Amino acid sequence: MPYLTDQRKFDIDNDPKHPLVGAGDLTYVFTRTALDTPDGEFSDALLDAIKRYMPRQPRYENYAIVLGCLDSTRRELRRREDSQTTARKNRINHAWYRLTLFSESYYKNVIAPYENEKIKQNGDVF
């Protein structure tokens, strides 16, 4: 879990165009989004965060960082679940579930086509 300075959090939270630099920024935004964004806006909010992070020409390592941040956010939510009140546990479970569904969908719809294109260009590893 990233521990950003208050100024960094302020910059990220108050400027929707402020670039996200690295896994810490991305994990922070994923966590805030998972806990605070209504269901109808959730996927779009995560996609916006990813766009703020991604370079114009994404590479494998960029996608790996996105998946790693999604996974670490899910794991940290689960780790903290036991010490929470029932209402907070329900909120955490819902956030975990939404992140899980988003992660699977993002891989299937964004990363898998990228992988397929790279296989055509460079040959398969298998």
N, C-alpha and C. Protein backbone atom coordinates (compact mmCIF):
# COMPACT_ATOMS: atom_id res chain seq x y z
N MET A 1 0.84 -1.17 0.00
CA MET A 1 0.00 0.00 0.00
C MET A 1 0.89 1.23 0.00
N PRO A 2 0.65 2.15 -0.91
CA PRO A 2 1.51 3.34 -0.96
C PRO A 2 1.19 4.31 0.16
N TYR A 3 2.17 4.99 0.59
CA TYR A 3 1.97 6.04 1.59
C TYR A 3 2.49 7.33 0.99
N LEU A 4 1.58 8.05 0.37
CA LEU A 4 1.91 9.29 -0.32
C LEU A 4 1.85 10.45 0.66
N THR A 5 2.60 11.49 0.36
CA THR A 5 2.53 12.70 1.18
C THR A 5 1.15 13.33 1.04
N ASP A 6 0.78 14.13 2.02
CA ASP A 6 -0.51 14.82 1.95
C ASP A 6 -0.59 15.70 0.72
N GLN A 7 0.52 16.34 0.36
CA GLN A 7 0.52 17.21 -0.82
C GLN A 7 0.30 16.39 -2.09
N ARG A 8 0.92 15.23 -2.16
CA ARG A 8 0.75 14.38 -3.35
C ARG A 8 -0.70 13.92 -3.46
N LYS A 9 -1.29 13.49 -2.35
CA LYS A 9 -2.70 13.08 -2.36
C LYS A 9 -3.60 14.23 -2.78
N PHE A 10 -3.32 15.42 -2.25
CA PHE A 10 -4.10 16.61 -2.60
C PHE A 10 -4.03 16.87 -4.10
N ASP A 11 -2.83 16.82 -4.66
CA ASP A 11 -2.64 17.06 -6.09
C ASP A 11 -3.42 16.04 -6.93
N ILE A 12 -3.33 14.78 -6.56
CA ILE A 12 -4.02 13.71 -7.29
C ILE A 12 -5.53 13.85 -7.15
N ASP A 13 -6.00 14.10 -5.94
CA ASP A 13 -7.44 14.16 -5.68
C ASP A 13 -8.11 15.39 -6.28
N ASN A 14 -7.39 16.48 -6.40
CA ASN A 14 -8.02 17.74 -6.79
C ASN A 14 -7.77 18.16 -8.23
N ASP A 15 -6.99 17.40 -8.96
CA ASP A 15 -6.74 17.71 -10.36
C ASP A 15 -6.89 16.44 -11.18
N PRO A 16 -8.05 16.26 -11.81
CA PRO A 16 -8.29 15.02 -12.55
C PRO A 16 -7.35 14.81 -13.74
N LYS A 17 -6.58 15.82 -14.10
CA LYS A 17 -5.61 15.67 -15.18
C LYS A 17 -4.19 15.50 -14.66
N HIS A 18 -4.03 15.57 -13.35
CA HIS A 18 -2.70 15.42 -12.77
C HIS A 18 -2.18 14.02 -13.10
N PRO A 19 -1.01 13.92 -13.73
CA PRO A 19 -0.51 12.59 -14.11
C PRO A 19 -0.21 11.72 -12.90
N LEU A 20 -0.46 10.44 -13.08
CA LEU A 20 -0.12 9.47 -12.05
C LEU A 20 1.23 8.89 -12.42
N VAL A 21 2.16 8.98 -11.49
CA VAL A 21 3.54 8.57 -11.76
C VAL A 21 3.86 7.34 -10.91
N GLY A 22 3.81 6.18 -11.52
CA GLY A 22 4.23 4.97 -10.84
C GLY A 22 3.13 4.24 -10.10
N ALA A 23 3.56 3.12 -9.55
CA ALA A 23 2.63 2.19 -8.89
C ALA A 23 2.00 2.78 -7.64
N GLY A 24 2.72 3.60 -6.90
CA GLY A 24 2.16 4.18 -5.68
C GLY A 24 0.96 5.07 -5.97
N ASP A 25 1.11 5.95 -6.93
CA ASP A 25 -0.01 6.83 -7.31
C ASP A 25 -1.19 6.01 -7.80
N LEU A 26 -0.91 5.03 -8.64
CA LEU A 26 -1.98 4.22 -9.22
C LEU A 26 -2.71 3.41 -8.16
N THR A 27 -1.98 2.81 -7.25
CA THR A 27 -2.60 2.03 -6.18
C THR A 27 -3.43 2.92 -5.26
N TYR A 28 -2.94 4.11 -4.97
CA TYR A 28 -3.70 5.06 -4.16
C TYR A 28 -5.05 5.39 -4.83
N VAL A 29 -5.02 5.69 -6.12
CA VAL A 29 -6.26 6.03 -6.82
C VAL A 29 -7.17 4.82 -6.92
N PHE A 30 -6.62 3.64 -7.17
CA PHE A 30 -7.45 2.44 -7.22
C PHE A 30 -8.15 2.21 -5.88
N THR A 31 -7.43 2.41 -4.79
CA THR A 31 -8.01 2.20 -3.46
C THR A 31 -9.13 3.20 -3.20
N ARG A 32 -8.87 4.47 -3.44
CA ARG A 32 -9.89 5.50 -3.24
C ARG A 32 -11.11 5.25 -4.12
N THR A 33 -10.86 4.88 -5.36
CA THR A 33 -11.96 4.62 -6.30
C THR A 33 -12.78 3.43 -5.84
N ALA A 34 -12.11 2.37 -5.45
CA ALA A 34 -12.82 1.15 -5.03
C ALA A 34 -13.70 1.40 -3.81
N LEU A 35 -13.24 2.23 -2.90
CA LEU A 35 -13.99 2.48 -1.67
C LEU A 35 -15.04 3.58 -1.80
N ASP A 36 -14.81 4.55 -2.69
CA ASP A 36 -15.63 5.76 -2.67
C ASP A 36 -16.48 6.04 -3.90
N THR A 37 -16.30 5.30 -4.98
CA THR A 37 -17.00 5.62 -6.23
C THR A 37 -18.26 4.79 -6.37
N PRO A 38 -19.37 5.42 -6.73
CA PRO A 38 -20.62 4.66 -6.94
C PRO A 38 -20.45 3.63 -8.05
N ASP A 39 -21.23 2.55 -7.97
CA ASP A 39 -21.13 1.46 -8.93
C ASP A 39 -21.20 1.92 -10.38
N GLY A 40 -22.12 2.80 -10.70
CA GLY A 40 -22.32 3.24 -12.08
C GLY A 40 -21.15 4.01 -12.66
N GLU A 41 -20.27 4.52 -11.80
CA GLU A 41 -19.13 5.32 -12.25
C GLU A 41 -17.79 4.60 -12.05
N PHE A 42 -17.84 3.45 -11.47
CA PHE A 42 -16.63 2.75 -11.02
C PHE A 42 -15.67 2.40 -12.15
N SER A 43 -16.14 1.68 -13.15
CA SER A 43 -15.25 1.25 -14.23
C SER A 43 -14.66 2.44 -14.97
N ASP A 44 -15.48 3.43 -15.26
CA ASP A 44 -14.97 4.62 -15.95
C ASP A 44 -13.93 5.35 -15.11
N ALA A 45 -14.12 5.39 -13.81
CA ALA A 45 -13.16 6.06 -12.93
C ALA A 45 -11.82 5.32 -12.93
N LEU A 46 -11.87 3.99 -12.91
CA LEU A 46 -10.62 3.22 -12.97
C LEU A 46 -9.94 3.38 -14.33
N LEU A 47 -10.72 3.36 -15.40
CA LEU A 47 -10.14 3.57 -16.73
C LEU A 47 -9.50 4.95 -16.85
N ASP A 48 -10.14 5.96 -16.27
CA ASP A 48 -9.56 7.31 -16.27
C ASP A 48 -8.23 7.33 -15.53
N ALA A 49 -8.18 6.63 -14.39
CA ALA A 49 -6.93 6.56 -13.63
C ALA A 49 -5.83 5.89 -14.46
N ILE A 50 -6.18 4.83 -15.13
CA ILE A 50 -5.20 4.12 -15.95
C ILE A 50 -4.71 5.03 -17.07
N LYS A 51 -5.61 5.78 -17.68
CA LYS A 51 -5.21 6.73 -18.74
C LYS A 51 -4.26 7.79 -18.20
N ARG A 52 -4.47 8.21 -16.95
CA ARG A 52 -3.58 9.21 -16.35
C ARG A 52 -2.18 8.64 -16.12
N TYR A 53 -2.09 7.33 -16.01
CA TYR A 53 -0.81 6.67 -15.77
C TYR A 53 -0.11 6.27 -17.08
N MET A 54 -0.85 5.75 -18.02
CA MET A 54 -0.27 5.14 -19.23
C MET A 54 0.43 6.15 -20.14
N PRO A 55 1.59 5.76 -20.66
CA PRO A 55 2.21 6.57 -21.70
C PRO A 55 1.42 6.43 -23.01
N ARG A 56 1.73 7.27 -23.97
CA ARG A 56 1.01 7.21 -25.25
C ARG A 56 1.18 5.86 -25.94
N GLN A 57 2.34 5.28 -25.82
CA GLN A 57 2.62 3.96 -26.40
C GLN A 57 2.88 2.97 -25.28
N PRO A 58 1.82 2.39 -24.71
CA PRO A 58 2.02 1.47 -23.59
C PRO A 58 2.88 0.28 -23.98
N ARG A 59 3.60 -0.20 -22.99
CA ARG A 59 4.44 -1.38 -23.14
C ARG A 59 3.97 -2.43 -22.16
N TYR A 60 4.53 -3.62 -22.31
CA TYR A 60 4.17 -4.72 -21.42
C TYR A 60 4.31 -4.32 -19.95
N GLU A 61 5.41 -3.65 -19.62
CA GLU A 61 5.64 -3.31 -18.22
C GLU A 61 4.57 -2.38 -17.67
N ASN A 62 4.00 -1.50 -18.50
CA ASN A 62 2.92 -0.63 -18.05
C ASN A 62 1.68 -1.45 -17.68
N TYR A 63 1.34 -2.40 -18.55
CA TYR A 63 0.19 -3.26 -18.27
C TYR A 63 0.45 -4.13 -17.03
N ALA A 64 1.67 -4.61 -16.89
CA ALA A 64 2.01 -5.42 -15.71
C ALA A 64 1.87 -4.59 -14.44
N ILE A 65 2.27 -3.34 -14.48
CA ILE A 65 2.13 -2.47 -13.31
C ILE A 65 0.65 -2.24 -12.98
N VAL A 66 -0.17 -2.02 -14.00
CA VAL A 66 -1.61 -1.83 -13.77
C VAL A 66 -2.19 -3.07 -13.09
N LEU A 67 -1.89 -4.25 -13.64
CA LEU A 67 -2.43 -5.48 -13.03
C LEU A 67 -1.89 -5.69 -11.62
N GLY A 68 -0.61 -5.39 -11.42
CA GLY A 68 -0.03 -5.52 -10.09
C GLY A 68 -0.68 -4.58 -9.09
N CYS A 69 -0.97 -3.38 -9.51
CA CYS A 69 -1.62 -2.41 -8.62
C CYS A 69 -3.05 -2.83 -8.30
N LEU A 70 -3.76 -3.33 -9.29
CA LEU A 70 -5.12 -3.84 -9.03
C LEU A 70 -5.06 -4.98 -8.02
N ASP A 71 -4.12 -5.89 -8.22
CA ASP A 71 -4.00 -7.05 -7.33
C ASP A 71 -3.57 -6.63 -5.92
N SER A 72 -2.60 -5.74 -5.82
CA SER A 72 -2.15 -5.33 -4.48
C SER A 72 -3.23 -4.55 -3.75
N THR A 73 -4.03 -3.79 -4.49
CA THR A 73 -5.15 -3.08 -3.86
C THR A 73 -6.15 -4.09 -3.31
N ARG A 74 -6.47 -5.10 -4.09
CA ARG A 74 -7.39 -6.14 -3.63
C ARG A 74 -6.84 -6.86 -2.38
N ARG A 75 -5.58 -7.20 -2.42
CA ARG A 75 -4.96 -7.92 -1.30
C ARG A 75 -4.94 -7.07 -0.03
N GLU A 76 -4.64 -5.79 -0.19
CA GLU A 76 -4.60 -4.91 0.99
C GLU A 76 -6.00 -4.73 1.58
N LEU A 77 -7.00 -4.62 0.73
CA LEU A 77 -8.38 -4.54 1.24
C LEU A 77 -8.72 -5.79 2.04
N ARG A 78 -8.38 -6.95 1.50
CA ARG A 78 -8.67 -8.21 2.18
C ARG A 78 -7.90 -8.32 3.49
N ARG A 79 -6.64 -7.88 3.49
CA ARG A 79 -5.82 -7.94 4.71
C ARG A 79 -6.42 -7.11 5.83
N ARG A 80 -6.98 -5.98 5.51
CA ARG A 80 -7.51 -5.08 6.53
C ARG A 80 -8.93 -5.41 6.95
N GLU A 81 -9.56 -6.30 6.24
CA GLU A 81 -10.97 -6.60 6.47
C GLU A 81 -11.27 -7.07 7.89
N ASP A 82 -10.46 -7.93 8.43
CA ASP A 82 -10.76 -8.55 9.73
C ASP A 82 -10.85 -7.57 10.88
N SER A 83 -10.12 -6.49 10.82
CA SER A 83 -10.10 -5.55 11.94
C SER A 83 -11.17 -4.47 11.85
N GLN A 84 -12.14 -4.64 10.98
CA GLN A 84 -13.12 -3.59 10.72
C GLN A 84 -14.49 -3.93 11.32
N THR A 85 -15.31 -2.91 11.43
CA THR A 85 -16.70 -3.11 11.84
C THR A 85 -17.45 -3.81 10.72
N THR A 86 -18.63 -4.32 11.02
CA THR A 86 -19.42 -5.04 10.01
C THR A 86 -19.72 -4.15 8.81
N ALA A 87 -20.12 -2.92 9.04
CA ALA A 87 -20.43 -2.01 7.93
C ALA A 87 -19.19 -1.78 7.06
N ARG A 88 -18.06 -1.58 7.69
CA ARG A 88 -16.81 -1.36 6.95
C ARG A 88 -16.40 -2.63 6.21
N LYS A 89 -16.59 -3.80 6.83
CA LYS A 89 -16.28 -5.06 6.16
C LYS A 89 -17.12 -5.21 4.88
N ASN A 90 -18.39 -4.86 4.96
CA ASN A 90 -19.25 -4.94 3.79
C ASN A 90 -18.75 -4.02 2.68
N ARG A 91 -18.33 -2.83 3.05
CA ARG A 91 -17.80 -1.87 2.08
C ARG A 91 -16.51 -2.40 1.44
N ILE A 92 -15.64 -2.99 2.25
CA ILE A 92 -14.40 -3.55 1.75
C ILE A 92 -14.67 -4.74 0.83
N ASN A 93 -15.59 -5.62 1.22
CA ASN A 93 -15.93 -6.77 0.39
C ASN A 93 -16.47 -6.33 -0.97
N HIS A 94 -17.31 -5.30 -0.95
CA HIS A 94 -17.87 -4.80 -2.20
C HIS A 94 -16.76 -4.20 -3.08
N ALA A 95 -15.85 -3.47 -2.47
CA ALA A 95 -14.72 -2.89 -3.21
C ALA A 95 -13.85 -4.00 -3.80
N TRP A 96 -13.56 -5.03 -3.00
CA TRP A 96 -12.75 -6.15 -3.46
C TRP A 96 -13.41 -6.84 -4.66
N TYR A 97 -14.70 -7.07 -4.55
CA TYR A 97 -15.45 -7.74 -5.62
C TYR A 97 -15.41 -6.91 -6.90
N ARG A 98 -15.65 -5.61 -6.80
CA ARG A 98 -15.63 -4.74 -7.98
C ARG A 98 -14.24 -4.73 -8.63
N LEU A 99 -13.19 -4.66 -7.82
CA LEU A 99 -11.84 -4.68 -8.37
C LEU A 99 -11.54 -6.00 -9.08
N THR A 100 -12.03 -7.09 -8.52
CA THR A 100 -11.82 -8.41 -9.12
C THR A 100 -12.48 -8.47 -10.50
N LEU A 101 -13.73 -8.04 -10.58
CA LEU A 101 -14.43 -8.06 -11.86
C LEU A 101 -13.77 -7.13 -12.88
N PHE A 102 -13.37 -5.95 -12.42
CA PHE A 102 -12.72 -5.00 -13.33
C PHE A 102 -11.40 -5.57 -13.84
N SER A 103 -10.61 -6.14 -12.97
CA SER A 103 -9.32 -6.69 -13.35
C SER A 103 -9.46 -7.76 -14.42
N GLU A 104 -10.41 -8.66 -14.24
CA GLU A 104 -10.65 -9.71 -15.23
C GLU A 104 -11.09 -9.12 -16.56
N SER A 105 -11.98 -8.16 -16.52
CA SER A 105 -12.48 -7.52 -17.73
C SER A 105 -11.37 -6.74 -18.43
N TYR A 106 -10.56 -6.02 -17.67
CA TYR A 106 -9.48 -5.23 -18.25
C TYR A 106 -8.47 -6.14 -18.94
N TYR A 107 -8.15 -7.25 -18.32
CA TYR A 107 -7.22 -8.19 -18.95
C TYR A 107 -7.81 -8.72 -20.25
N LYS A 108 -9.05 -9.15 -20.20
CA LYS A 108 -9.69 -9.75 -21.37
C LYS A 108 -9.84 -8.75 -22.52
N ASN A 109 -10.23 -7.53 -22.20
CA ASN A 109 -10.58 -6.56 -23.24
C ASN A 109 -9.46 -5.63 -23.67
N VAL A 110 -8.43 -5.48 -22.85
CA VAL A 110 -7.35 -4.55 -23.19
C VAL A 110 -6.01 -5.29 -23.32
N ILE A 111 -5.65 -6.04 -22.32
CA ILE A 111 -4.32 -6.65 -22.32
C ILE A 111 -4.24 -7.84 -23.26
N ALA A 112 -5.23 -8.70 -23.27
CA ALA A 112 -5.19 -9.87 -24.16
C ALA A 112 -5.08 -9.46 -25.64
N PRO A 113 -5.85 -8.46 -26.11
CA PRO A 113 -5.64 -8.04 -27.51
C PRO A 113 -4.23 -7.49 -27.75
N TYR A 114 -3.68 -6.76 -26.78
CA TYR A 114 -2.31 -6.28 -26.89
C TYR A 114 -1.35 -7.47 -27.02
N GLU A 115 -1.53 -8.47 -26.16
CA GLU A 115 -0.69 -9.67 -26.21
C GLU A 115 -0.81 -10.36 -27.57
N ASN A 116 -2.03 -10.47 -28.07
CA ASN A 116 -2.23 -11.13 -29.37
C ASN A 116 -1.50 -10.39 -30.49
N GLU A 117 -1.53 -9.08 -30.45
CA GLU A 117 -0.83 -8.28 -31.44
C GLU A 117 0.69 -8.49 -31.35
N LYS A 118 1.20 -8.53 -30.13
CA LYS A 118 2.63 -8.75 -29.96
C LYS A 118 3.06 -10.16 -30.38
N ILE A 119 2.18 -11.13 -30.19
CA ILE A 119 2.47 -12.49 -30.66
C ILE A 119 2.60 -12.49 -32.19
N LYS A 120 1.69 -11.78 -32.86
CA LYS A 120 1.76 -11.69 -34.32
C LYS A 120 3.06 -11.01 -34.76
N GLN A 121 3.46 -9.98 -34.04
CA GLN A 121 4.66 -9.22 -34.40
C GLN A 121 5.96 -9.97 -34.10
N ASN A 122 5.99 -10.64 -32.95
CA ASN A 122 7.27 -11.17 -32.46
C ASN A 122 7.33 -12.67 -32.28
N GLY A 123 6.22 -13.36 -32.50
CA GLY A 123 6.18 -14.80 -32.26
C GLY A 123 5.76 -15.09 -30.82
N ASP A 124 5.29 -16.29 -30.62
CA ASP A 124 4.78 -16.69 -29.31
C ASP A 124 5.89 -17.25 -28.43
N VAL A 125 5.71 -17.15 -27.15
CA VAL A 125 6.67 -17.67 -26.19
C VAL A 125 6.44 -19.17 -25.98
N PHE A 126 5.23 -19.61 -26.15
CA PHE A 126 4.87 -21.00 -25.89
C PHE A 126 5.28 -21.91 -27.02
